[in-house]
Amino acid sequence: MILLLILSAACSYGFRGSLPEHIQSVKIIPIRSRVTQYGLEQDITSRVTEMMVRDGRLAVVIEEQDSEIEGTIAAYSKTPYSYTSSEQVEEYKLEIRVEITFIDLLREMDIIDNESVTTWLVYDPDKETEIDARNRLLEEAAKDIVRRCLSGW
């Protein structure tokens, strides 16, 4: 019986992580962009929203929220990563940097204040298109952003 109580307490703690109890909902403000790649901001906003819904710790709402996540894509790059013996590009590195702010609206304070979350990956253009690699990158970046907001402080 005591073991069951300990296990259930541990599970409820693990599910909430380090989120303050008073924060029950979040609004994802559409992410802005300072880069020239078209559509990145809509794609990353959608993925962050989906990840937050999947996570389930906070209700994603459009009004009367306890908290907000804002972000700006500050950098996006594609650079050669490795070369063949004949000096042809073999792999590319895709990298995205998003500056995020997570605001506790009930206590009127920033939980995370304009912090950079950088995600990168390497892809082989012979095995994967740049668009597919970009989609993987955005998926990973969204996971990193949600992880940072929900358990990184």
C-alpha atoms as a PDB file:
ATOM      1  CA  MET A   1       0.000   0.000   0.000  1.00  0.00           C
ATOM      2  CA  ILE A   2       2.742   2.478   0.941  1.00  0.00           C
ATOM      3  CA  LEU A   3       4.698   1.501  -2.175  1.00  0.00           C
ATOM      4  CA  LEU A   4       1.639   2.280  -4.316  1.00  0.00           C
ATOM      5  CA  LEU A   5       1.347   5.770  -2.770  1.00  0.00           C
ATOM      6  CA  ILE A   6       5.035   6.459  -3.344  1.00  0.00           C
ATOM      7  CA  LEU A   7       4.821   5.305  -6.965  1.00  0.00           C
ATOM      8  CA  SER A   8       1.732   7.377  -7.702  1.00  0.00           C
ATOM      9  CA  ALA A   9       3.331  10.469  -6.143  1.00  0.00           C
ATOM     10  CA  ALA A  10       6.461   9.932  -8.225  1.00  0.00           C
ATOM     11  CA  CYS A  11       4.418   9.567 -11.417  1.00  0.00           C
ATOM     12  CA  SER A  12       2.458  12.767 -10.833  1.00  0.00           C
ATOM     13  CA  TYR A  13       5.664  14.664 -10.078  1.00  0.00           C
ATOM     14  CA  GLY A  14       7.373  13.313 -13.179  1.00  0.00           C
ATOM     15  CA  PHE A  15       4.447  14.218 -15.384  1.00  0.00           C
ATOM     16  CA  ARG A  16       4.432  17.884 -14.340  1.00  0.00           C
ATOM     17  CA  GLY A  17       8.199  18.136 -14.275  1.00  0.00           C
ATOM     18  CA  SER A  18       9.385  21.512 -13.018  1.00  0.00           C
ATOM     19  CA  LEU A  19       6.338  23.519 -14.099  1.00  0.00           C
ATOM     20  CA  PRO A  20       4.855  25.700 -11.349  1.00  0.00           C
ATOM     21  CA  GLU A  21       1.444  24.423 -10.281  1.00  0.00           C
ATOM     22  CA  HIS A  22      -0.301  27.716 -11.104  1.00  0.00           C
ATOM     23  CA  ILE A  23       0.559  27.432 -14.824  1.00  0.00           C
ATOM     24  CA  GLN A  24      -2.067  25.267 -16.479  1.00  0.00           C
ATOM     25  CA  SER A  25      -2.333  26.763 -19.979  1.00  0.00           C
ATOM     26  CA  VAL A  26      -0.179  28.330 -22.663  1.00  0.00           C
ATOM     27  CA  LYS A  27      -0.690  30.405 -25.773  1.00  0.00           C
ATOM     28  CA  ILE A  28       1.837  29.938 -28.572  1.00  0.00           C
ATOM     29  CA  ILE A  29       2.380  33.333 -30.192  1.00  0.00           C
ATOM     30  CA  PRO A  30       3.184  32.917 -33.927  1.00  0.00           C
ATOM     31  CA  ILE A  31       6.953  32.725 -34.227  1.00  0.00           C
ATOM     32  CA  ARG A  32       8.556  35.593 -36.133  1.00  0.00           C
ATOM     33  CA  SER A  33      11.565  35.349 -38.423  1.00  0.00           C
ATOM     34  CA  ARG A  34      14.654  37.397 -39.202  1.00  0.00           C
ATOM     35  CA  VAL A  35      15.781  35.035 -41.972  1.00  0.00           C
ATOM     36  CA  THR A  36      14.894  34.957 -45.651  1.00  0.00           C
ATOM     37  CA  GLN A  37      13.714  31.338 -45.953  1.00  0.00           C
ATOM     38  CA  TYR A  38      10.008  31.485 -46.693  1.00  0.00           C
ATOM     39  CA  GLY A  39       7.605  29.585 -44.462  1.00  0.00           C
ATOM     40  CA  LEU A  40       9.959  28.613 -41.636  1.00  0.00           C
ATOM     41  CA  GLU A  41       8.044  30.643 -39.074  1.00  0.00           C
ATOM     42  CA  GLN A  42       4.686  29.016 -39.886  1.00  0.00           C
ATOM     43  CA  ASP A  43       6.228  25.526 -39.957  1.00  0.00           C
ATOM     44  CA  ILE A  44       8.005  25.890 -36.611  1.00  0.00           C
ATOM     45  CA  THR A  45       4.947  27.507 -34.961  1.00  0.00           C
ATOM     46  CA  SER A  46       2.773  24.570 -36.071  1.00  0.00           C
ATOM     47  CA  ARG A  47       5.304  22.029 -34.837  1.00  0.00           C
ATOM     48  CA  VAL A  48       5.774  23.714 -31.445  1.00  0.00           C
ATOM     49  CA  THR A  49       1.986  23.806 -31.018  1.00  0.00           C
ATOM     50  CA  GLU A  50       1.674  20.119 -31.983  1.00  0.00           C
ATOM     51  CA  MET A  51       4.491  19.128 -29.598  1.00  0.00           C
ATOM     52  CA  MET A  52       2.912  21.075 -26.753  1.00  0.00           C
ATOM     53  CA  VAL A  53      -0.473  19.417 -27.360  1.00  0.00           C
ATOM     54  CA  ARG A  54       1.180  15.963 -27.549  1.00  0.00           C
ATOM     55  CA  ASP A  55       3.090  16.621 -24.335  1.00  0.00           C
ATOM     56  CA  GLY A  56      -0.173  17.332 -22.516  1.00  0.00           C
ATOM     57  CA  ARG A  57       1.206  19.126 -19.454  1.00  0.00           C
ATOM     58  CA  LEU A  58      -0.332  22.457 -20.481  1.00  0.00           C
ATOM     59  CA  ALA A  59      -3.567  23.171 -22.300  1.00  0.00           C
ATOM     60  CA  VAL A  60      -2.857  25.083 -25.509  1.00  0.00           C
ATOM     61  CA  VAL A  61      -5.348  27.953 -25.685  1.00  0.00           C
ATOM     62  CA  ILE A  62      -5.893  31.149 -27.643  1.00  0.00           C
ATOM     63  CA  GLU A  63      -7.234  33.296 -24.793  1.00  0.00           C
ATOM     64  CA  GLU A  64      -7.284  33.457 -21.001  1.00  0.00           C
ATOM     65  CA  GLN A  65      -3.888  31.742 -20.851  1.00  0.00           C
ATOM     66  CA  ASP A  66      -1.607  31.438 -17.807  1.00  0.00           C
ATOM     67  CA  SER A  67       1.548  31.669 -19.915  1.00  0.00           C
ATOM     68  CA  GLU A  68       2.831  32.487 -23.390  1.00  0.00           C
ATOM     69  CA  ILE A  69       5.647  31.281 -25.581  1.00  0.00           C
ATOM     70  CA  GLU A  70       7.084  33.790 -28.046  1.00  0.00           C
ATOM     71  CA  GLY A  71       9.918  33.181 -30.441  1.00  0.00           C
ATOM     72  CA  THR A  72      11.965  34.560 -33.295  1.00  0.00           C
ATOM     73  CA  ILE A  73      13.983  32.583 -35.810  1.00  0.00           C
ATOM     74  CA  ALA A  74      17.326  34.354 -35.526  1.00  0.00           C
ATOM     75  CA  ALA A  75      19.379  32.158 -37.872  1.00  0.00           C
ATOM     76  CA  TYR A  76      19.006  29.389 -40.412  1.00  0.00           C
ATOM     77  CA  SER A  77      21.906  28.002 -42.402  1.00  0.00           C
ATOM     78  CA  LYS A  78      22.976  25.242 -44.752  1.00  0.00           C
ATOM     79  CA  THR A  79      26.730  24.670 -44.876  1.00  0.00           C
ATOM     80  CA  PRO A  80      28.965  21.916 -46.248  1.00  0.00           C
ATOM     81  CA  TYR A  81      29.805  19.426 -43.511  1.00  0.00           C
ATOM     82  CA  SER A  82      31.983  16.789 -45.192  1.00  0.00           C
ATOM     83  CA  TYR A  83      33.641  16.259 -48.543  1.00  0.00           C
ATOM     84  CA  THR A  84      34.548  13.270 -50.709  1.00  0.00           C
ATOM     85  CA  SER A  85      38.167  12.576 -51.672  1.00  0.00           C
ATOM     86  CA  SER A  86      37.500  14.504 -54.901  1.00  0.00           C
ATOM     87  CA  GLU A  87      36.425  17.544 -52.835  1.00  0.00           C
ATOM     88  CA  GLN A  88      32.708  17.271 -53.637  1.00  0.00           C
ATOM     89  CA  VAL A  89      30.282  18.020 -50.820  1.00  0.00           C
ATOM     90  CA  GLU A  90      29.214  14.719 -49.297  1.00  0.00           C
ATOM     91  CA  GLU A  91      27.036  15.994 -46.430  1.00  0.00           C
ATOM     92  CA  TYR A  92      25.471  19.272 -45.412  1.00  0.00           C
ATOM     93  CA  LYS A  93      24.747  20.717 -41.992  1.00  0.00           C
ATOM     94  CA  LEU A  94      21.389  22.431 -41.460  1.00  0.00           C
ATOM     95  CA  GLU A  95      21.120  24.639 -38.401  1.00  0.00           C
ATOM     96  CA  ILE A  96      18.378  26.782 -36.898  1.00  0.00           C
ATOM     97  CA  ARG A  97      18.527  29.145 -33.929  1.00  0.00           C
ATOM     98  CA  VAL A  98      15.309  30.295 -32.304  1.00  0.00           C
ATOM     99  CA  GLU A  99      15.229  32.900 -29.547  1.00  0.00           C
ATOM    100  CA  ILE A 100      12.427  32.068 -27.122  1.00  0.00           C
ATOM    101  CA  THR A 101      10.671  33.780 -24.258  1.00  0.00           C
ATOM    102  CA  PHE A 102       8.331  31.909 -21.913  1.00  0.00           C
ATOM    103  CA  ILE A 103       6.179  34.283 -19.877  1.00  0.00           C
ATOM    104  CA  ASP A 104       4.271  33.547 -16.667  1.00  0.00           C
ATOM    105  CA  LEU A 105       1.304  35.895 -17.123  1.00  0.00           C
ATOM    106  CA  LEU A 106      -0.172  35.237 -13.685  1.00  0.00           C
ATOM    107  CA  ARG A 107       2.967  36.364 -11.857  1.00  0.00           C
ATOM    108  CA  GLU A 108       3.924  38.809 -14.624  1.00  0.00           C
ATOM    109  CA  MET A 109       7.457  37.521 -15.057  1.00  0.00           C
ATOM    110  CA  ASP A 110       9.646  35.920 -17.689  1.00  0.00           C
ATOM    111  CA  ILE A 111      10.447  32.297 -16.963  1.00  0.00           C
ATOM    112  CA  ILE A 112      12.776  32.222 -19.953  1.00  0.00           C
ATOM    113  CA  ASP A 113      13.908  35.557 -21.317  1.00  0.00           C
ATOM    114  CA  ASN A 114      15.059  35.681 -24.945  1.00  0.00           C
ATOM    115  CA  GLU A 115      17.120  32.497 -24.751  1.00  0.00           C
ATOM    116  CA  SER A 116      18.608  30.882 -27.850  1.00  0.00           C
ATOM    117  CA  VAL A 117      17.722  27.296 -28.691  1.00  0.00           C
ATOM    118  CA  THR A 118      19.982  25.940 -31.433  1.00  0.00           C
ATOM    119  CA  THR A 119      19.281  22.706 -33.278  1.00  0.00           C
ATOM    120  CA  TRP A 120      21.287  21.194 -36.106  1.00  0.00           C
ATOM    121  CA  LEU A 121      21.573  18.024 -38.138  1.00  0.00           C
ATOM    122  CA  VAL A 122      23.678  16.565 -40.920  1.00  0.00           C
ATOM    123  CA  TYR A 123      22.152  15.110 -44.070  1.00  0.00           C
ATOM    124  CA  ASP A 124      23.406  13.348 -47.172  1.00  0.00           C
ATOM    125  CA  PRO A 125      21.861  14.922 -50.316  1.00  0.00           C
ATOM    126  CA  ASP A 126      22.162  11.575 -52.129  1.00  0.00           C
ATOM    127  CA  LYS A 127      19.859   9.938 -49.561  1.00  0.00           C
ATOM    128  CA  GLU A 128      17.548  12.754 -48.517  1.00  0.00           C
ATOM    129  CA  THR A 129      16.233  15.949 -50.063  1.00  0.00           C
ATOM    130  CA  GLU A 130      16.918  19.282 -48.415  1.00  0.00           C
ATOM    131  CA  ILE A 131      13.175  19.715 -47.814  1.00  0.00           C
ATOM    132  CA  ASP A 132      12.990  16.382 -45.962  1.00  0.00           C
ATOM    133  CA  ALA A 133      16.072  17.300 -43.928  1.00  0.00           C
ATOM    134  CA  ARG A 134      14.558  20.716 -43.155  1.00  0.00           C
ATOM    135  CA  ASN A 135      11.349  19.045 -41.959  1.00  0.00           C
ATOM    136  CA  ARG A 136      13.391  16.778 -39.654  1.00  0.00           C
ATOM    137  CA  LEU A 137      15.294  19.814 -38.392  1.00  0.00           C
ATOM    138  CA  LEU A 138      12.095  21.734 -37.622  1.00  0.00           C
ATOM    139  CA  GLU A 139      10.648  18.706 -35.819  1.00  0.00           C
ATOM    140  CA  GLU A 140      13.766  18.437 -33.640  1.00  0.00           C
ATOM    141  CA  ALA A 141      13.844  22.199 -33.042  1.00  0.00           C
ATOM    142  CA  ALA A 142      10.207  22.120 -31.886  1.00  0.00           C
ATOM    143  CA  LYS A 143      11.041  19.288 -29.459  1.00  0.00           C
ATOM    144  CA  ASP A 144      14.010  21.272 -28.143  1.00  0.00           C
ATOM    145  CA  ILE A 145      11.881  24.411 -27.658  1.00  0.00           C
ATOM    146  CA  VAL A 146       9.089  22.562 -25.834  1.00  0.00           C
ATOM    147  CA  ARG A 147      11.598  20.628 -23.709  1.00  0.00           C
ATOM    148  CA  ARG A 148      13.355  23.871 -22.776  1.00  0.00           C
ATOM    149  CA  CYS A 149      10.104  25.624 -21.871  1.00  0.00           C
ATOM    150  CA  LEU A 150       8.619  22.786 -19.846  1.00  0.00           C
ATOM    151  CA  SER A 151      11.554  21.293 -18.017  1.00  0.00           C
ATOM    152  CA  GLY A 152      14.610  23.416 -18.515  1.00  0.00           C
ATOM    153  CA  TRP A 153      14.388  25.880 -15.648  1.00  0.00           C
END
